[in-house]
Amino acid sequence: MPLRFIGIDPTTGQDKSPTVFIDEETNDIVIQGFKPGGETEAEVAAFEVPGHAVGIPDDEAVIRVPARMAPFLREACDAVERADVR
């Protein structure tokens, strides 16, 4: 899974590093973010979407990405849509 770095939170310090990557084999967007904490995770887990089970599957996670990283998410989406990823 060769990852291509797109961007890191511009306000990151030595101990935090929300980051956006693209998997160059699958074109998946890979995001490192903050664990949202109990209240947010519980709200997501309880959210009902018609036709889907309620809860967070064991092989999935909820993350929080700072709004200031939106440009990196747009760049990653644009790259995938352009098939810029090889």
PDB file of N, CA and C in Angstrom:
ATOM      1  N   MET A   1       0.835  -1.165   0.000  1.00  0.00           N
ATOM      2  CA  MET A   1       0.000   0.000   0.000  1.00  0.00           C
ATOM      3  C   MET A   1       0.892   1.244   0.000  1.00  0.00           C
ATOM      4  N   PRO A   2       1.355   1.666  -1.161  1.00  0.00           N
ATOM      5  CA  PRO A   2       2.175   2.879  -1.195  1.00  0.00           C
ATOM      6  C   PRO A   2       1.299   4.118  -0.987  1.00  0.00           C
ATOM      7  N   LEU A   3       1.591   4.845   0.069  1.00  0.00           N
ATOM      8  CA  LEU A   3       0.818   6.047   0.371  1.00  0.00           C
ATOM      9  C   LEU A   3       1.506   7.282  -0.206  1.00  0.00           C
ATOM     10  N   ARG A   4       0.693   8.191  -0.726  1.00  0.00           N
ATOM     11  CA  ARG A   4       1.208   9.483  -1.180  1.00  0.00           C
ATOM     12  C   ARG A   4       0.730  10.531  -0.185  1.00  0.00           C
ATOM     13  N   PHE A   5       1.660  11.259   0.382  1.00  0.00           N
ATOM     14  CA  PHE A   5       1.369  12.320   1.337  1.00  0.00           C
ATOM     15  C   PHE A   5       0.686  13.476   0.616  1.00  0.00           C
ATOM     16  N   ILE A   6      -0.439  13.952   1.193  1.00  0.00           N
ATOM     17  CA  ILE A   6      -1.130  15.115   0.645  1.00  0.00           C
ATOM     18  C   ILE A   6      -0.894  16.336   1.528  1.00  0.00           C
ATOM     19  N   GLY A   7      -1.098  16.195   2.834  1.00  0.00           N
ATOM     20  CA  GLY A   7      -0.876  17.338   3.710  1.00  0.00           C
ATOM     21  C   GLY A   7      -1.058  16.993   5.172  1.00  0.00           C
ATOM     22  N   ILE A   8      -0.470  17.830   6.004  1.00  0.00           N
ATOM     23  CA  ILE A   8      -0.548  17.667   7.448  1.00  0.00           C
ATOM     24  C   ILE A   8      -1.124  18.952   8.042  1.00  0.00           C
ATOM     25  N   ASP A   9      -1.830  18.838   9.151  1.00  0.00           N
ATOM     26  CA  ASP A   9      -2.411  19.991   9.821  1.00  0.00           C
ATOM     27  C   ASP A   9      -1.334  21.070   9.960  1.00  0.00           C
ATOM     28  N   PRO A  10      -1.558  22.245   9.376  1.00  0.00           N
ATOM     29  CA  PRO A  10      -0.528  23.281   9.400  1.00  0.00           C
ATOM     30  C   PRO A  10      -0.229  23.824  10.790  1.00  0.00           C
ATOM     31  N   THR A  11      -1.085  23.560  11.759  1.00  0.00           N
ATOM     32  CA  THR A  11      -0.824  24.036  13.118  1.00  0.00           C
ATOM     33  C   THR A  11      -0.283  22.921  14.008  1.00  0.00           C
ATOM     34  N   THR A  12       0.067  21.800  13.395  1.00  0.00           N
ATOM     35  CA  THR A  12       0.516  20.657  14.179  1.00  0.00           C
ATOM     36  C   THR A  12       1.827  20.953  14.897  1.00  0.00           C
ATOM     37  N   GLY A  13       1.960  20.342  16.035  1.00  0.00           N
ATOM     38  CA  GLY A  13       3.208  20.441  16.787  1.00  0.00           C
ATOM     39  C   GLY A  13       3.913  19.103  16.737  1.00  0.00           C
ATOM     40  N   GLN A  14       4.778  18.883  17.677  1.00  0.00           N
ATOM     41  CA  GLN A  14       5.530  17.633  17.732  1.00  0.00           C
ATOM     42  C   GLN A  14       4.674  16.450  18.149  1.00  0.00           C
ATOM     43  N   ASP A  15       3.569  16.706  18.875  1.00  0.00           N
ATOM     44  CA  ASP A  15       2.805  15.603  19.446  1.00  0.00           C
ATOM     45  C   ASP A  15       1.481  15.313  18.746  1.00  0.00           C
ATOM     46  N   LYS A  16       1.039  16.129  17.811  1.00  0.00           N
ATOM     47  CA  LYS A  16      -0.221  15.905  17.093  1.00  0.00           C
ATOM     48  C   LYS A  16       0.068  15.988  15.600  1.00  0.00           C
ATOM     49  N   SER A  17      -0.634  15.168  14.816  1.00  0.00           N
ATOM     50  CA  SER A  17      -0.323  15.205  13.384  1.00  0.00           C
ATOM     51  C   SER A  17      -1.456  14.689  12.506  1.00  0.00           C
ATOM     52  N   PRO A  18      -2.652  15.316  12.543  1.00  0.00           N
ATOM     53  CA  PRO A  18      -3.670  14.924  11.582  1.00  0.00           C
ATOM     54  C   PRO A  18      -3.109  15.060  10.168  1.00  0.00           C
ATOM     55  N   THR A  19      -3.279  14.015   9.367  1.00  0.00           N
ATOM     56  CA  THR A  19      -2.621  13.952   8.063  1.00  0.00           C
ATOM     57  C   THR A  19      -3.553  13.316   7.040  1.00  0.00           C
ATOM     58  N   VAL A  20      -3.405  13.716   5.781  1.00  0.00           N
ATOM     59  CA  VAL A  20      -4.180  13.142   4.684  1.00  0.00           C
ATOM     60  C   VAL A  20      -3.211  12.507   3.692  1.00  0.00           C
ATOM     61  N   PHE A  21      -3.552  11.274   3.274  1.00  0.00           N
ATOM     62  CA  PHE A  21      -2.767  10.520   2.292  1.00  0.00           C
ATOM     63  C   PHE A  21      -3.707   9.968   1.223  1.00  0.00           C
ATOM     64  N   ILE A  22      -3.142   9.494   0.126  1.00  0.00           N
ATOM     65  CA  ILE A  22      -3.875   8.709  -0.864  1.00  0.00           C
ATOM     66  C   ILE A  22      -3.139   7.385  -1.021  1.00  0.00           C
ATOM     67  N   ASP A  23      -3.893   6.293  -1.009  1.00  0.00           N
ATOM     68  CA  ASP A  23      -3.338   4.972  -1.302  1.00  0.00           C
ATOM     69  C   ASP A  23      -3.209   4.889  -2.819  1.00  0.00           C
ATOM     70  N   GLU A  24      -2.003   4.806  -3.321  1.00  0.00           N
ATOM     71  CA  GLU A  24      -1.771   4.860  -4.763  1.00  0.00           C
ATOM     72  C   GLU A  24      -2.188   3.594  -5.502  1.00  0.00           C
ATOM     73  N   GLU A  25      -2.462   2.514  -4.786  1.00  0.00           N
ATOM     74  CA  GLU A  25      -2.945   1.292  -5.449  1.00  0.00           C
ATOM     75  C   GLU A  25      -4.464   1.273  -5.562  1.00  0.00           C
ATOM     76  N   THR A  26      -5.160   1.751  -4.538  1.00  0.00           N
ATOM     77  CA  THR A  26      -6.618   1.638  -4.501  1.00  0.00           C
ATOM     78  C   THR A  26      -7.338   2.967  -4.732  1.00  0.00           C
ATOM     79  N   ASN A  27      -6.594   4.076  -4.712  1.00  0.00           N
ATOM     80  CA  ASN A  27      -7.157   5.426  -4.769  1.00  0.00           C
ATOM     81  C   ASN A  27      -7.980   5.772  -3.528  1.00  0.00           C
ATOM     82  N   ASP A  28      -7.871   4.999  -2.463  1.00  0.00           N
ATOM     83  CA  ASP A  28      -8.552   5.323  -1.216  1.00  0.00           C
ATOM     84  C   ASP A  28      -7.885   6.531  -0.572  1.00  0.00           C
ATOM     85  N   ILE A  29      -8.687   7.345   0.082  1.00  0.00           N
ATOM     86  CA  ILE A  29      -8.166   8.454   0.862  1.00  0.00           C
ATOM     87  C   ILE A  29      -7.959   7.948   2.281  1.00  0.00           C
ATOM     88  N   VAL A  30      -6.769   8.125   2.812  1.00  0.00           N
ATOM     89  CA  VAL A  30      -6.401   7.652   4.146  1.00  0.00           C
ATOM     90  C   VAL A  30      -6.202   8.883   5.028  1.00  0.00           C
ATOM     91  N   ILE A  31      -6.909   8.907   6.160  1.00  0.00           N
ATOM     92  CA  ILE A  31      -6.882  10.076   7.034  1.00  0.00           C
ATOM     93  C   ILE A  31      -6.453   9.678   8.434  1.00  0.00           C
ATOM     94  N   GLN A  32      -5.500  10.399   8.952  1.00  0.00           N
ATOM     95  CA  GLN A  32      -5.141  10.276  10.362  1.00  0.00           C
ATOM     96  C   GLN A  32      -5.743  11.488  11.050  1.00  0.00           C
ATOM     97  N   GLY A  33      -6.507  11.254  12.105  1.00  0.00           N
ATOM     98  CA  GLY A  33      -7.151  12.361  12.798  1.00  0.00           C
ATOM     99  C   GLY A  33      -7.232  12.095  14.283  1.00  0.00           C
ATOM    100  N   PHE A  34      -8.028  12.901  14.952  1.00  0.00           N
ATOM    101  CA  PHE A  34      -8.185  12.787  16.394  1.00  0.00           C
ATOM    102  C   PHE A  34      -9.305  11.810  16.735  1.00  0.00           C
ATOM    103  N   LYS A  35      -9.124  11.028  17.786  1.00  0.00           N
ATOM    104  CA  LYS A  35     -10.226  10.240  18.318  1.00  0.00           C
ATOM    105  C   LYS A  35     -11.221  11.232  18.902  1.00  0.00           C
ATOM    106  N   PRO A  36     -12.484  11.124  18.536  1.00  0.00           N
ATOM    107  CA  PRO A  36     -13.423  12.171  18.907  1.00  0.00           C
ATOM    108  C   PRO A  36     -13.874  12.153  20.360  1.00  0.00           C
ATOM    109  N   GLY A  37     -13.660  11.075  21.052  1.00  0.00           N
ATOM    110  CA  GLY A  37     -14.107  11.016  22.439  1.00  0.00           C
ATOM    111  C   GLY A  37     -15.471  10.366  22.565  1.00  0.00           C
ATOM    112  N   GLY A  38     -15.834  10.038  23.765  1.00  0.00           N
ATOM    113  CA  GLY A  38     -17.028   9.253  24.050  1.00  0.00           C
ATOM    114  C   GLY A  38     -18.336   9.821  23.545  1.00  0.00           C
ATOM    115  N   GLU A  39     -18.590  11.110  23.769  1.00  0.00           N
ATOM    116  CA  GLU A  39     -19.883  11.677  23.411  1.00  0.00           C
ATOM    117  C   GLU A  39     -20.102  11.674  21.886  1.00  0.00           C
ATOM    118  N   THR A  40     -19.108  12.109  21.134  1.00  0.00           N
ATOM    119  CA  THR A  40     -19.237  12.132  19.670  1.00  0.00           C
ATOM    120  C   THR A  40     -19.336  10.724  19.120  1.00  0.00           C
ATOM    121  N   GLU A  41     -18.491   9.835  19.604  1.00  0.00           N
ATOM    122  CA  GLU A  41     -18.519   8.456  19.123  1.00  0.00           C
ATOM    123  C   GLU A  41     -19.850   7.790  19.446  1.00  0.00           C
ATOM    124  N   ALA A  42     -20.382   8.054  20.620  1.00  0.00           N
ATOM    125  CA  ALA A  42     -21.689   7.492  20.993  1.00  0.00           C
ATOM    126  C   ALA A  42     -22.790   8.030  20.086  1.00  0.00           C
ATOM    127  N   GLU A  43     -22.716   9.309  19.751  1.00  0.00           N
ATOM    128  CA  GLU A  43     -23.725   9.895  18.864  1.00  0.00           C
ATOM    129  C   GLU A  43     -23.655   9.267  17.477  1.00  0.00           C
ATOM    130  N   VAL A  44     -22.443   9.077  16.957  1.00  0.00           N
ATOM    131  CA  VAL A  44     -22.285   8.425  15.654  1.00  0.00           C
ATOM    132  C   VAL A  44     -22.799   6.992  15.725  1.00  0.00           C
ATOM    133  N   ALA A  45     -22.462   6.282  16.787  1.00  0.00           N
ATOM    134  CA  ALA A  45     -22.872   4.886  16.932  1.00  0.00           C
ATOM    135  C   ALA A  45     -24.384   4.737  17.002  1.00  0.00           C
ATOM    136  N   ALA A  46     -25.064   5.744  17.536  1.00  0.00           N
ATOM    137  CA  ALA A  46     -26.517   5.669  17.685  1.00  0.00           C
ATOM    138  C   ALA A  46     -27.272   6.215  16.477  1.00  0.00           C
ATOM    139  N   PHE A  47     -26.558   6.831  15.551  1.00  0.00           N
ATOM    140  CA  PHE A  47     -27.206   7.463  14.403  1.00  0.00           C
ATOM    141  C   PHE A  47     -27.844   6.398  13.517  1.00  0.00           C
ATOM    142  N   GLU A  48     -29.074   6.622  13.151  1.00  0.00           N
ATOM    143  CA  GLU A  48     -29.804   5.651  12.337  1.00  0.00           C
ATOM    144  C   GLU A  48     -29.829   6.095  10.879  1.00  0.00           C
ATOM    145  N   VAL A  49     -29.300   5.241  10.012  1.00  0.00           N
ATOM    146  CA  VAL A  49     -29.335   5.446   8.568  1.00  0.00           C
ATOM    147  C   VAL A  49     -30.202   4.333   7.996  1.00  0.00           C
ATOM    148  N   PRO A  50     -31.280   4.686   7.290  1.00  0.00           N
ATOM    149  CA  PRO A  50     -32.170   3.652   6.749  1.00  0.00           C
ATOM    150  C   PRO A  50     -31.398   2.598   5.946  1.00  0.00           C
ATOM    151  N   GLY A  51     -31.677   1.351   6.252  1.00  0.00           N
ATOM    152  CA  GLY A  51     -31.047   0.242   5.534  1.00  0.00           C
ATOM    153  C   GLY A  51     -29.689  -0.171   6.058  1.00  0.00           C
ATOM    154  N   HIS A  52     -29.237   0.454   7.139  1.00  0.00           N
ATOM    155  CA  HIS A  52     -27.925   0.119   7.701  1.00  0.00           C
ATOM    156  C   HIS A  52     -28.062  -0.218   9.176  1.00  0.00           C
ATOM    157  N   ALA A  53     -27.177  -1.074   9.644  1.00  0.00           N
ATOM    158  CA  ALA A  53     -27.159  -1.422  11.062  1.00  0.00           C
ATOM    159  C   ALA A  53     -26.718  -0.216  11.874  1.00  0.00           C
ATOM    160  N   VAL A  54     -27.205  -0.114  13.085  1.00  0.00           N
ATOM    161  CA  VAL A  54     -26.789   0.953  13.983  1.00  0.00           C
ATOM    162  C   VAL A  54     -25.517   0.503  14.682  1.00  0.00           C
ATOM    163  N   GLY A  55     -24.584   1.412  14.853  1.00  0.00           N
ATOM    164  CA  GLY A  55     -23.344   1.098  15.554  1.00  0.00           C
ATOM    165  C   GLY A  55     -22.142   1.291  14.661  1.00  0.00           C
ATOM    166  N   ILE A  56     -20.974   1.117  15.234  1.00  0.00           N
ATOM    167  CA  ILE A  56     -19.710   1.243  14.518  1.00  0.00           C
ATOM    168  C   ILE A  56     -19.101  -0.146  14.438  1.00  0.00           C
ATOM    169  N   PRO A  57     -18.955  -0.706  13.222  1.00  0.00           N
ATOM    170  CA  PRO A  57     -18.365  -2.036  13.096  1.00  0.00           C
ATOM    171  C   PRO A  57     -16.947  -2.075  13.684  1.00  0.00           C
ATOM    172  N   ASP A  58     -16.544  -3.247  14.123  1.00  0.00           N
ATOM    173  CA  ASP A  58     -15.228  -3.403  14.740  1.00  0.00           C
ATOM    174  C   ASP A  58     -14.080  -3.007  13.824  1.00  0.00           C
ATOM    175  N   ASP A  59     -14.282  -3.119  12.509  1.00  0.00           N
ATOM    176  CA  ASP A  59     -13.188  -2.795  11.589  1.00  0.00           C
ATOM    177  C   ASP A  59     -13.276  -1.363  11.050  1.00  0.00           C
ATOM    178  N   GLU A  60     -14.086  -0.508  11.689  1.00  0.00           N
ATOM    179  CA  GLU A  60     -14.195   0.896  11.313  1.00  0.00           C
ATOM    180  C   GLU A  60     -13.905   1.777  12.523  1.00  0.00           C
ATOM    181  N   ALA A  61     -13.617   3.054  12.258  1.00  0.00           N
ATOM    182  CA  ALA A  61     -13.324   3.993  13.337  1.00  0.00           C
ATOM    183  C   ALA A  61     -13.935   5.346  13.007  1.00  0.00           C
ATOM    184  N   VAL A  62     -14.221   6.104  14.024  1.00  0.00           N
ATOM    185  CA  VAL A  62     -14.671   7.477  13.878  1.00  0.00           C
ATOM    186  C   VAL A  62     -13.465   8.357  14.196  1.00  0.00           C
ATOM    187  N   ILE A  63     -13.171   9.306  13.317  1.00  0.00           N
ATOM    188  CA  ILE A  63     -12.086  10.250  13.577  1.00  0.00           C
ATOM    189  C   ILE A  63     -12.612  11.659  13.377  1.00  0.00           C
ATOM    190  N   ARG A  64     -11.920  12.606  13.944  1.00  0.00           N
ATOM    191  CA  ARG A  64     -12.277  14.018  13.769  1.00  0.00           C
ATOM    192  C   ARG A  64     -11.087  14.692  13.085  1.00  0.00           C
ATOM    193  N   VAL A  65     -11.392  15.402  11.991  1.00  0.00           N
ATOM    194  CA  VAL A  65     -10.364  16.106  11.232  1.00  0.00           C
ATOM    195  C   VAL A  65     -10.634  17.608  11.383  1.00  0.00           C
ATOM    196  N   PRO A  66      -9.626  18.389  11.756  1.00  0.00           N
ATOM    197  CA  PRO A  66      -9.843  19.825  11.913  1.00  0.00           C
ATOM    198  C   PRO A  66     -10.330  20.462  10.601  1.00  0.00           C
ATOM    199  N   ALA A  67     -11.261  21.400  10.720  1.00  0.00           N
ATOM    200  CA  ALA A  67     -11.808  22.085   9.541  1.00  0.00           C
ATOM    201  C   ALA A  67     -10.711  22.756   8.725  1.00  0.00           C
ATOM    202  N   ARG A  68      -9.654  23.183   9.368  1.00  0.00           N
ATOM    203  CA  ARG A  68      -8.572  23.850   8.643  1.00  0.00           C
ATOM    204  C   ARG A  68      -7.860  22.914   7.665  1.00  0.00           C
ATOM    205  N   MET A  69      -8.172  21.604   7.744  1.00  0.00           N
ATOM    206  CA  MET A  69      -7.558  20.641   6.817  1.00  0.00           C
ATOM    207  C   MET A  69      -8.417  20.411   5.584  1.00  0.00           C
ATOM    208  N   ALA A  70      -9.535  21.128   5.435  1.00  0.00           N
ATOM    209  CA  ALA A  70     -10.407  20.965   4.268  1.00  0.00           C
ATOM    210  C   ALA A  70      -9.652  21.092   2.942  1.00  0.00           C
ATOM    211  N   PRO A  71      -8.698  22.013   2.809  1.00  0.00           N
ATOM    212  CA  PRO A  71      -7.972  22.093   1.535  1.00  0.00           C
ATOM    213  C   PRO A  71      -7.240  20.798   1.185  1.00  0.00           C
ATOM    214  N   PHE A  72      -6.721  20.096   2.189  1.00  0.00           N
ATOM    215  CA  PHE A  72      -6.031  18.832   1.927  1.00  0.00           C
ATOM    216  C   PHE A  72      -7.012  17.751   1.499  1.00  0.00           C
ATOM    217  N   LEU A  73      -8.198  17.754   2.117  1.00  0.00           N
ATOM    218  CA  LEU A  73      -9.224  16.781   1.729  1.00  0.00           C
ATOM    219  C   LEU A  73      -9.683  17.048   0.299  1.00  0.00           C
ATOM    220  N   ARG A  74      -9.864  18.328  -0.048  1.00  0.00           N
ATOM    221  CA  ARG A  74     -10.240  18.669  -1.432  1.00  0.00           C
ATOM    222  C   ARG A  74      -9.159  18.227  -2.416  1.00  0.00           C
ATOM    223  N   GLU A  75      -7.908  18.469  -2.062  1.00  0.00           N
ATOM    224  CA  GLU A  75      -6.801  18.077  -2.934  1.00  0.00           C
ATOM    225  C   GLU A  75      -6.778  16.568  -3.140  1.00  0.00           C
ATOM    226  N   ALA A  76      -6.995  15.817  -2.058  1.00  0.00           N
ATOM    227  CA  ALA A  76      -7.016  14.356  -2.168  1.00  0.00           C
ATOM    228  C   ALA A  76      -8.175  13.899  -3.047  1.00  0.00           C
ATOM    229  N   CYS A  77      -9.359  14.481  -2.852  1.00  0.00           N
ATOM    230  CA  CYS A  77     -10.524  14.118  -3.670  1.00  0.00           C
ATOM    231  C   CYS A  77     -10.291  14.466  -5.131  1.00  0.00           C
ATOM    232  N   ASP A  78      -9.729  15.642  -5.385  1.00  0.00           N
ATOM    233  CA  ASP A  78      -9.445  16.048  -6.763  1.00  0.00           C
ATOM    234  C   ASP A  78      -8.456  15.104  -7.432  1.00  0.00           C
ATOM    235  N   ALA A  79      -7.424  14.710  -6.699  1.00  0.00           N
ATOM    236  CA  ALA A  79      -6.413  13.808  -7.260  1.00  0.00           C
ATOM    237  C   ALA A  79      -7.042  12.458  -7.624  1.00  0.00           C
ATOM    238  N   VAL A  80      -7.889  11.951  -6.764  1.00  0.00           N
ATOM    239  CA  VAL A  80      -8.551  10.664  -7.033  1.00  0.00           C
ATOM    240  C   VAL A  80      -9.479  10.791  -8.233  1.00  0.00           C
ATOM    241  N   GLU A  81     -10.247  11.873  -8.299  1.00  0.00           N
ATOM    242  CA  GLU A  81     -11.163  12.067  -9.416  1.00  0.00           C
ATOM    243  C   GLU A  81     -10.428  12.230 -10.743  1.00  0.00           C
ATOM    244  N   ARG A  82      -9.268  12.843 -10.718  1.00  0.00           N
ATOM    245  CA  ARG A  82      -8.478  13.012 -11.941  1.00  0.00           C
ATOM    246  C   ARG A  82      -7.739  11.724 -12.306  1.00  0.00           C
ATOM    247  N   ALA A  83      -7.820  10.734 -11.422  1.00  0.00           N
ATOM    248  CA  ALA A  83      -7.033   9.506 -11.576  1.00  0.00           C
ATOM    249  C   ALA A  83      -5.556   9.862 -11.622  1.00  0.00           C
ATOM    250  N   ASP A  84      -5.232  10.882 -10.842  1.00  0.00           N
ATOM    251  CA  ASP A  84      -3.865  11.364 -10.729  1.00  0.00           C
ATOM    252  C   ASP A  84      -3.028  10.360  -9.938  1.00  0.00           C
ATOM    253  N   VAL A  85      -3.705   9.457  -9.262  1.00  0.00           N
ATOM    254  CA  VAL A  85      -3.026   8.448  -8.462  1.00  0.00           C
ATOM    255  C   VAL A  85      -2.738   7.257  -9.349  1.00  0.00           C
ATOM    256  N   ARG A  86      -1.563   6.763  -9.278  1.00  0.00           N
ATOM    257  CA  ARG A  86      -1.202   5.612 -10.123  1.00  0.00           C
ATOM    258  C   ARG A  86      -1.108   4.377  -9.311  1.00  0.00           C
TER     259      ARG A  86
END
